[in-house]
């Protein structure tokens, strides 16, 4: 089975043709970003980590490993599991870019999701 092309992008970067389908995976809309400039195909709020987990994590690199473990557990909840399956379905149709507003996309929920979807 071929691996899916799933990338992580930042909401404030210009979209590219190589992005394929662009899905925002944050619960909160990126500050200062106009919807017409975002270049998004979808906004999948339900896939985002819980508010409690997001606030605990606070993008602290030292907490990323534990954040990933807790977030993967949250992804087994019914609503998030359905959203994850939706992203898997999108990835089967071509390139998928998971968009986040965080400055450190490499330690974000988008990175956790990309790793899961590529597997």
C-alpha atoms as a PDB file:
ATOM      1  CA  UNK A   1       0.000   0.000   0.000  1.00  0.00           C
ATOM      2  CA  UNK A   2       1.565   3.350  -0.983  1.00  0.00           C
ATOM      3  CA  UNK A   3       2.177   5.929   1.679  1.00  0.00           C
ATOM      4  CA  UNK A   4      -0.008   8.977   1.530  1.00  0.00           C
ATOM      5  CA  UNK A   5       1.553  12.362   0.934  1.00  0.00           C
ATOM      6  CA  UNK A   6       0.612  14.313   4.047  1.00  0.00           C
ATOM      7  CA  UNK A   7       2.410  17.529   4.883  1.00  0.00           C
ATOM      8  CA  UNK A   8       2.180  20.122   7.623  1.00  0.00           C
ATOM      9  CA  UNK A   9       1.877  23.805   6.782  1.00  0.00           C
ATOM     10  CA  UNK A  10       1.441  27.071   8.597  1.00  0.00           C
ATOM     11  CA  UNK A  11      -1.705  29.130   8.165  1.00  0.00           C
ATOM     12  CA  UNK A  12       0.315  32.288   7.527  1.00  0.00           C
ATOM     13  CA  UNK A  13       2.333  30.821   4.638  1.00  0.00           C
ATOM     14  CA  UNK A  14       1.196  31.246   1.043  1.00  0.00           C
ATOM     15  CA  UNK A  15      -0.583  28.175  -0.347  1.00  0.00           C
ATOM     16  CA  UNK A  16       1.245  26.302  -3.118  1.00  0.00           C
ATOM     17  CA  UNK A  17       0.028  24.021  -5.906  1.00  0.00           C
ATOM     18  CA  UNK A  18       1.866  21.133  -4.232  1.00  0.00           C
ATOM     19  CA  UNK A  19      -0.258  21.465  -1.079  1.00  0.00           C
ATOM     20  CA  UNK A  20      -3.174  19.565  -2.566  1.00  0.00           C
ATOM     21  CA  UNK A  21      -6.138  19.644  -0.194  1.00  0.00           C
ATOM     22  CA  UNK A  22      -5.540  22.133   2.633  1.00  0.00           C
ATOM     23  CA  UNK A  23      -7.284  21.448   5.946  1.00  0.00           C
ATOM     24  CA  UNK A  24      -7.035  23.649   9.037  1.00  0.00           C
ATOM     25  CA  UNK A  25      -6.765  21.347  12.075  1.00  0.00           C
ATOM     26  CA  UNK A  26      -6.804  23.998  14.821  1.00  0.00           C
ATOM     27  CA  UNK A  27      -9.885  24.532  16.991  1.00  0.00           C
ATOM     28  CA  UNK A  28      -9.412  28.311  16.940  1.00  0.00           C
ATOM     29  CA  UNK A  29      -9.264  30.381  13.733  1.00  0.00           C
ATOM     30  CA  UNK A  30      -5.758  31.844  13.144  1.00  0.00           C
ATOM     31  CA  UNK A  31      -5.558  35.383  14.485  1.00  0.00           C
ATOM     32  CA  UNK A  32      -5.524  38.059  11.801  1.00  0.00           C
ATOM     33  CA  UNK A  33      -6.012  35.632   8.897  1.00  0.00           C
ATOM     34  CA  UNK A  34      -8.813  36.502   6.499  1.00  0.00           C
ATOM     35  CA  UNK A  35     -10.825  33.524   5.284  1.00  0.00           C
ATOM     36  CA  UNK A  36     -10.410  34.596   1.654  1.00  0.00           C
ATOM     37  CA  UNK A  37      -6.605  34.635   2.048  1.00  0.00           C
ATOM     38  CA  UNK A  38      -6.294  31.315   3.903  1.00  0.00           C
ATOM     39  CA  UNK A  39      -6.553  29.092   0.821  1.00  0.00           C
ATOM     40  CA  UNK A  40      -8.267  26.377   2.836  1.00  0.00           C
ATOM     41  CA  UNK A  41     -10.465  23.606   1.501  1.00  0.00           C
ATOM     42  CA  UNK A  42     -11.795  22.682   4.943  1.00  0.00           C
ATOM     43  CA  UNK A  43     -11.662  23.564   8.614  1.00  0.00           C
ATOM     44  CA  UNK A  44     -11.757  20.383  10.692  1.00  0.00           C
ATOM     45  CA  UNK A  45     -12.243  21.729  14.233  1.00  0.00           C
ATOM     46  CA  UNK A  46     -13.326  18.384  15.656  1.00  0.00           C
ATOM     47  CA  UNK A  47      -9.872  16.840  15.099  1.00  0.00           C
ATOM     48  CA  UNK A  48      -8.174  19.430  17.319  1.00  0.00           C
ATOM     49  CA  UNK A  49      -6.923  18.486  20.785  1.00  0.00           C
ATOM     50  CA  UNK A  50      -9.202  19.267  23.715  1.00  0.00           C
ATOM     51  CA  UNK A  51      -8.898  22.732  25.196  1.00  0.00           C
ATOM     52  CA  UNK A  52      -7.558  21.220  28.425  1.00  0.00           C
ATOM     53  CA  UNK A  53      -4.810  19.315  26.573  1.00  0.00           C
ATOM     54  CA  UNK A  54      -3.922  22.305  24.394  1.00  0.00           C
ATOM     55  CA  UNK A  55      -3.589  24.584  27.436  1.00  0.00           C
ATOM     56  CA  UNK A  56      -1.559  21.994  29.382  1.00  0.00           C
ATOM     57  CA  UNK A  57       0.809  21.465  26.458  1.00  0.00           C
ATOM     58  CA  UNK A  58       1.264  25.172  25.633  1.00  0.00           C
ATOM     59  CA  UNK A  59       3.677  24.139  22.821  1.00  0.00           C
ATOM     60  CA  UNK A  60       6.411  23.333  25.331  1.00  0.00           C
ATOM     61  CA  UNK A  61       8.931  21.182  23.400  1.00  0.00           C
ATOM     62  CA  UNK A  62       9.738  19.265  26.593  1.00  0.00           C
ATOM     63  CA  UNK A  63       6.085  18.160  26.786  1.00  0.00           C
ATOM     64  CA  UNK A  64       5.674  17.111  23.124  1.00  0.00           C
ATOM     65  CA  UNK A  65       6.157  13.386  23.671  1.00  0.00           C
ATOM     66  CA  UNK A  66       3.541  13.309  26.442  1.00  0.00           C
ATOM     67  CA  UNK A  67       1.266  15.614  24.392  1.00  0.00           C
ATOM     68  CA  UNK A  68       1.466  13.186  21.477  1.00  0.00           C
ATOM     69  CA  UNK A  69       0.577  10.243  23.734  1.00  0.00           C
ATOM     70  CA  UNK A  70      -2.415  12.058  25.251  1.00  0.00           C
ATOM     71  CA  UNK A  71      -3.575  13.408  21.894  1.00  0.00           C
ATOM     72  CA  UNK A  72      -3.446   9.966  20.272  1.00  0.00           C
ATOM     73  CA  UNK A  73      -5.684   8.744  23.127  1.00  0.00           C
ATOM     74  CA  UNK A  74      -8.119  11.595  22.434  1.00  0.00           C
ATOM     75  CA  UNK A  75      -8.182  10.607  18.762  1.00  0.00           C
ATOM     76  CA  UNK A  76      -9.822   7.328  19.783  1.00  0.00           C
ATOM     77  CA  UNK A  77     -12.926   9.213  21.002  1.00  0.00           C
ATOM     78  CA  UNK A  78     -15.873   8.759  18.636  1.00  0.00           C
ATOM     79  CA  UNK A  79     -16.077  12.277  17.181  1.00  0.00           C
ATOM     80  CA  UNK A  80     -12.315  12.675  16.715  1.00  0.00           C
ATOM     81  CA  UNK A  81     -11.981   9.135  15.333  1.00  0.00           C
ATOM     82  CA  UNK A  82     -14.571   9.996  12.661  1.00  0.00           C
ATOM     83  CA  UNK A  83     -12.686  13.200  11.813  1.00  0.00           C
ATOM     84  CA  UNK A  84      -9.418  11.235  11.563  1.00  0.00           C
ATOM     85  CA  UNK A  85     -11.069   8.782   9.172  1.00  0.00           C
ATOM     86  CA  UNK A  86     -12.270  11.731   7.101  1.00  0.00           C
ATOM     87  CA  UNK A  87      -8.671  12.990   6.839  1.00  0.00           C
ATOM     88  CA  UNK A  88      -7.537   9.473   5.850  1.00  0.00           C
ATOM     89  CA  UNK A  89     -10.161   9.467   3.093  1.00  0.00           C
ATOM     90  CA  UNK A  90      -8.939  12.857   1.834  1.00  0.00           C
ATOM     91  CA  UNK A  91      -5.319  11.639   1.841  1.00  0.00           C
ATOM     92  CA  UNK A  92      -6.260   8.716  -0.409  1.00  0.00           C
ATOM     93  CA  UNK A  93      -7.226  11.144  -3.172  1.00  0.00           C
ATOM     94  CA  UNK A  94      -3.922  13.001  -3.415  1.00  0.00           C
ATOM     95  CA  UNK A  95      -1.662  15.330  -1.465  1.00  0.00           C
ATOM     96  CA  UNK A  96      -3.036  16.615   1.837  1.00  0.00           C
ATOM     97  CA  UNK A  97      -1.617  19.511   3.836  1.00  0.00           C
ATOM     98  CA  UNK A  98      -2.645  19.900   7.458  1.00  0.00           C
ATOM     99  CA  UNK A  99      -2.637  23.567   8.377  1.00  0.00           C
ATOM    100  CA  UNK A 100      -1.939  25.014  11.811  1.00  0.00           C
ATOM    101  CA  UNK A 101      -1.379  28.548  13.065  1.00  0.00           C
ATOM    102  CA  UNK A 102       1.352  27.628  15.540  1.00  0.00           C
ATOM    103  CA  UNK A 103       4.864  28.958  14.978  1.00  0.00           C
ATOM    104  CA  UNK A 104       6.291  25.499  15.707  1.00  0.00           C
ATOM    105  CA  UNK A 105       4.382  23.224  13.329  1.00  0.00           C
ATOM    106  CA  UNK A 106       6.910  20.421  13.894  1.00  0.00           C
ATOM    107  CA  UNK A 107       5.640  20.001  17.484  1.00  0.00           C
ATOM    108  CA  UNK A 108       1.940  20.542  16.815  1.00  0.00           C
ATOM    109  CA  UNK A 109      -1.191  18.417  16.544  1.00  0.00           C
ATOM    110  CA  UNK A 110      -0.798  18.740  12.761  1.00  0.00           C
ATOM    111  CA  UNK A 111       2.543  16.894  12.998  1.00  0.00           C
ATOM    112  CA  UNK A 112       0.996  14.130  15.122  1.00  0.00           C
ATOM    113  CA  UNK A 113      -1.831  13.753  12.594  1.00  0.00           C
ATOM    114  CA  UNK A 114       0.532  13.749   9.608  1.00  0.00           C
ATOM    115  CA  UNK A 115       2.582  10.977  11.213  1.00  0.00           C
ATOM    116  CA  UNK A 116      -0.562   8.908  11.810  1.00  0.00           C
ATOM    117  CA  UNK A 117      -1.900   9.460   8.293  1.00  0.00           C
ATOM    118  CA  UNK A 118       1.387   8.595   6.583  1.00  0.00           C
ATOM    119  CA  UNK A 119       1.641   5.281   8.378  1.00  0.00           C
END
